[in-house]
Amino acid sequence: MFFKKILYYLNPVNLFHRDPEADVNLRMMHGVNKISFIMFVLCLVVMLVRWIAR
């Protein structure tokens, strides 16, 4: 379940998908969550690359 949710967030098709039933506040919250998750994954990749490059 956890990995399925991560793969859902990383899928570019779902990145800009809007839920028609969600109100504005919920859409904004999900947008901020997606941005923060993507930034977290990018930071992990940068840290991994720097660690391997040593």
Protein backbone atom coordinates (compact mmCIF):
# COMPACT_ATOMS: atom_id res chain seq x y z
CA MET A 1 0.00 0.00 0.00
CA PHE A 2 2.81 2.42 0.89
CA PHE A 3 4.78 1.74 -2.30
CA LYS A 4 1.61 1.91 -4.38
CA LYS A 5 0.97 5.43 -3.05
CA ILE A 6 4.58 6.46 -3.81
CA LEU A 7 4.28 5.16 -7.37
CA TYR A 8 0.98 7.05 -7.71
CA TYR A 9 2.70 10.31 -6.68
CA LEU A 10 5.66 9.71 -9.01
CA ASN A 11 3.46 9.01 -12.04
CA PRO A 12 3.57 12.13 -14.27
CA VAL A 13 0.01 11.48 -15.49
CA ASN A 14 -1.31 11.86 -11.94
CA LEU A 15 0.82 14.88 -11.16
CA PHE A 16 -1.60 17.40 -12.67
CA HIS A 17 -4.78 15.31 -12.37
CA ARG A 18 -7.67 17.11 -10.68
CA ASP A 19 -10.34 15.44 -8.62
CA PRO A 20 -13.68 16.97 -9.68
CA GLU A 21 -15.24 16.25 -6.26
CA ALA A 22 -12.53 18.05 -4.25
CA ASP A 23 -12.92 21.64 -3.16
CA VAL A 24 -10.25 24.30 -3.61
CA ASN A 25 -8.66 23.83 -0.18
CA LEU A 26 -8.30 20.09 -0.62
CA ARG A 27 -6.79 20.52 -4.11
CA MET A 28 -4.29 23.06 -2.76
CA MET A 29 -3.34 20.72 0.09
CA HIS A 30 -2.78 17.83 -2.32
CA GLY A 31 -0.74 20.11 -4.60
CA VAL A 32 1.51 21.19 -1.74
CA ASN A 33 1.90 17.56 -0.65
CA LYS A 34 2.92 16.53 -4.17
CA ILE A 35 5.44 19.37 -4.42
CA SER A 36 6.97 18.54 -1.04
CA PHE A 37 7.15 14.83 -1.88
CA ILE A 38 8.87 15.53 -5.21
CA MET A 39 11.34 17.87 -3.50
CA PHE A 40 12.07 15.18 -0.89
CA VAL A 41 12.75 12.56 -3.56
CA LEU A 42 14.97 14.98 -5.51
CA CYS A 43 16.98 15.73 -2.36
CA LEU A 44 17.42 12.02 -1.70
CA VAL A 45 18.69 11.55 -5.25
CA VAL A 46 21.14 14.45 -4.89
CA MET A 47 22.40 13.09 -1.58
CA LEU A 48 22.81 9.62 -3.09
CA VAL A 49 24.72 11.00 -6.09
CA ARG A 50 27.03 13.03 -3.85
CA TRP A 51 27.63 9.99 -1.63
CA ILE A 52 28.48 7.80 -4.63
CA ALA A 53 30.73 10.47 -6.17
CA ARG A 54 33.03 10.56 -3.13
